[in-house]
C-alpha atoms as a PDB file:
ATOM      1  CA  UNK A   1     -10.058 -63.909  -5.770  1.00  0.00           C
ATOM      2  CA  UNK A   2      -7.112 -63.680  -3.577  1.00  0.00           C
ATOM      3  CA  UNK A   3      -4.261 -61.169  -3.938  1.00  0.00           C
ATOM      4  CA  UNK A   4      -1.720 -64.370  -5.025  1.00  0.00           C
ATOM      5  CA  UNK A   5      -4.117 -65.464  -7.962  1.00  0.00           C
ATOM      6  CA  UNK A   6      -4.270 -62.248  -9.217  1.00  0.00           C
ATOM      7  CA  UNK A   7      -0.577 -61.829  -9.313  1.00  0.00           C
ATOM      8  CA  UNK A   8      -0.114 -65.296 -10.350  1.00  0.00           C
ATOM      9  CA  UNK A   9      -2.478 -64.396 -13.601  1.00  0.00           C
ATOM     10  CA  UNK A  10      -0.819 -61.630 -14.514  1.00  0.00           C
ATOM     11  CA  UNK A  11       2.101 -63.161 -14.090  1.00  0.00           C
ATOM     12  CA  UNK A  12       1.278 -65.555 -16.646  1.00  0.00           C
ATOM     13  CA  UNK A  13      -0.209 -62.981 -19.383  1.00  0.00           C
ATOM     14  CA  UNK A  14       2.903 -61.005 -18.681  1.00  0.00           C
ATOM     15  CA  UNK A  15       5.482 -64.213 -19.251  1.00  0.00           C
ATOM     16  CA  UNK A  16       3.203 -65.060 -22.977  1.00  0.00           C
ATOM     17  CA  UNK A  17       3.614 -61.087 -23.904  1.00  0.00           C
ATOM     18  CA  UNK A  18       7.710 -60.903 -22.965  1.00  0.00           C
ATOM     19  CA  UNK A  19       8.302 -64.743 -24.740  1.00  0.00           C
ATOM     20  CA  UNK A  20       5.690 -65.410 -27.260  1.00  0.00           C
ATOM     21  CA  UNK A  21       5.997 -63.811 -30.715  1.00  0.00           C
ATOM     22  CA  UNK A  22       3.375 -61.935 -32.384  1.00  0.00           C
ATOM     23  CA  UNK A  23       1.000 -61.087 -29.608  1.00  0.00           C
ATOM     24  CA  UNK A  24      -1.984 -58.856 -30.678  1.00  0.00           C
ATOM     25  CA  UNK A  25      -1.917 -55.464 -29.456  1.00  0.00           C
ATOM     26  CA  UNK A  26       0.744 -56.070 -26.988  1.00  0.00           C
ATOM     27  CA  UNK A  27       1.424 -52.153 -25.730  1.00  0.00           C
ATOM     28  CA  UNK A  28      -2.257 -52.338 -24.664  1.00  0.00           C
ATOM     29  CA  UNK A  29      -2.109 -55.292 -22.669  1.00  0.00           C
ATOM     30  CA  UNK A  30       0.862 -54.384 -21.175  1.00  0.00           C
ATOM     31  CA  UNK A  31      -1.329 -51.261 -19.832  1.00  0.00           C
ATOM     32  CA  UNK A  32      -3.761 -53.364 -18.847  1.00  0.00           C
ATOM     33  CA  UNK A  33      -1.827 -54.905 -17.288  1.00  0.00           C
ATOM     34  CA  UNK A  34       0.057 -52.364 -15.348  1.00  0.00           C
ATOM     35  CA  UNK A  35      -3.477 -51.013 -14.596  1.00  0.00           C
ATOM     36  CA  UNK A  36      -4.566 -54.148 -12.815  1.00  0.00           C
ATOM     37  CA  UNK A  37      -1.096 -53.875 -10.604  1.00  0.00           C
ATOM     38  CA  UNK A  38      -1.903 -50.479  -9.279  1.00  0.00           C
ATOM     39  CA  UNK A  39      -5.726 -51.818  -8.859  1.00  0.00           C
ATOM     40  CA  UNK A  40      -3.931 -54.627  -6.852  1.00  0.00           C
ATOM     41  CA  UNK A  41      -1.569 -52.574  -5.130  1.00  0.00           C
ATOM     42  CA  UNK A  42      -4.097 -50.075  -3.873  1.00  0.00           C
ATOM     43  CA  UNK A  43      -6.606 -53.167  -2.262  1.00  0.00           C
ATOM     44  CA  UNK A  44      -3.148 -54.092  -0.730  1.00  0.00           C
ATOM     45  CA  UNK A  45      -2.495 -50.300   1.012  1.00  0.00           C
ATOM     46  CA  UNK A  46      -5.914 -50.077   1.906  1.00  0.00           C
ATOM     47  CA  UNK A  47      -6.562 -53.648   3.548  1.00  0.00           C
ATOM     48  CA  UNK A  48      -3.020 -52.881   5.856  1.00  0.00           C
ATOM     49  CA  UNK A  49      -4.918 -49.589   6.287  1.00  0.00           C
ATOM     50  CA  UNK A  50      -7.990 -51.360   7.674  1.00  0.00           C
ATOM     51  CA  UNK A  51      -5.557 -54.139   9.376  1.00  0.00           C
ATOM     52  CA  UNK A  52      -3.740 -51.162  11.501  1.00  0.00           C
ATOM     53  CA  UNK A  53      -7.007 -49.363  12.377  1.00  0.00           C
ATOM     54  CA  UNK A  54      -8.640 -53.010  13.280  1.00  0.00           C
ATOM     55  CA  UNK A  55      -5.162 -53.605  15.383  1.00  0.00           C
ATOM     56  CA  UNK A  56      -5.322 -50.107  17.037  1.00  0.00           C
ATOM     57  CA  UNK A  57      -8.941 -50.363  18.405  1.00  0.00           C
ATOM     58  CA  UNK A  58      -8.841 -51.101  22.336  1.00  0.00           C
ATOM     59  CA  UNK A  59     -11.639 -53.068  23.526  1.00  0.00           C
ATOM     60  CA  UNK A  60     -13.206 -51.338  27.046  1.00  0.00           C
ATOM     61  CA  UNK A  61     -13.335 -54.739  28.927  1.00  0.00           C
ATOM     62  CA  UNK A  62     -14.175 -52.705  32.448  1.00  0.00           C
ATOM     63  CA  UNK A  63     -17.529 -50.483  31.308  1.00  0.00           C
ATOM     64  CA  UNK A  64     -21.274 -51.742  32.344  1.00  0.00           C
ATOM     65  CA  UNK A  65     -21.796 -52.686  28.633  1.00  0.00           C
ATOM     66  CA  UNK A  66     -18.563 -55.208  28.224  1.00  0.00           C
ATOM     67  CA  UNK A  67     -19.814 -56.874  31.098  1.00  0.00           C
ATOM     68  CA  UNK A  68     -23.652 -57.217  29.521  1.00  0.00           C
ATOM     69  CA  UNK A  69     -21.697 -58.775  26.753  1.00  0.00           C
ATOM     70  CA  UNK A  70     -19.407 -61.241  28.720  1.00  0.00           C
ATOM     71  CA  UNK A  71     -22.262 -62.436  31.146  1.00  0.00           C
ATOM     72  CA  UNK A  72     -24.490 -62.452  27.347  1.00  0.00           C
ATOM     73  CA  UNK A  73     -22.098 -64.968  26.387  1.00  0.00           C
ATOM     74  CA  UNK A  74     -21.874 -67.336  29.795  1.00  0.00           C
ATOM     75  CA  UNK A  75     -24.663 -70.300  29.197  1.00  0.00           C
ATOM     76  CA  UNK A  76     -25.858 -71.452  32.396  1.00  0.00           C
ATOM     77  CA  UNK A  77     -28.077 -74.399  32.678  1.00  0.00           C
ATOM     78  CA  UNK A  78     -30.643 -74.564  35.205  1.00  0.00           C
ATOM     79  CA  UNK A  79     -32.056 -78.411  36.158  1.00  0.00           C
END
């Protein structure tokens, strides 16, 4: 499930709680929504950290292993 989808679902539920009357256990539902929001924020932060780590990885394009990997990707068709 995408982050957008999660936020959309949470928004709909929050709207129902605020604008519909007689929502049973509204405080409990709000607390659970808060937990979901916190978890979503944590996942978002973790994904951003991973993205930064990936962006900071420098590829060795000069060493023998890098050359070997490049050569493996070359397709040579002999007749």
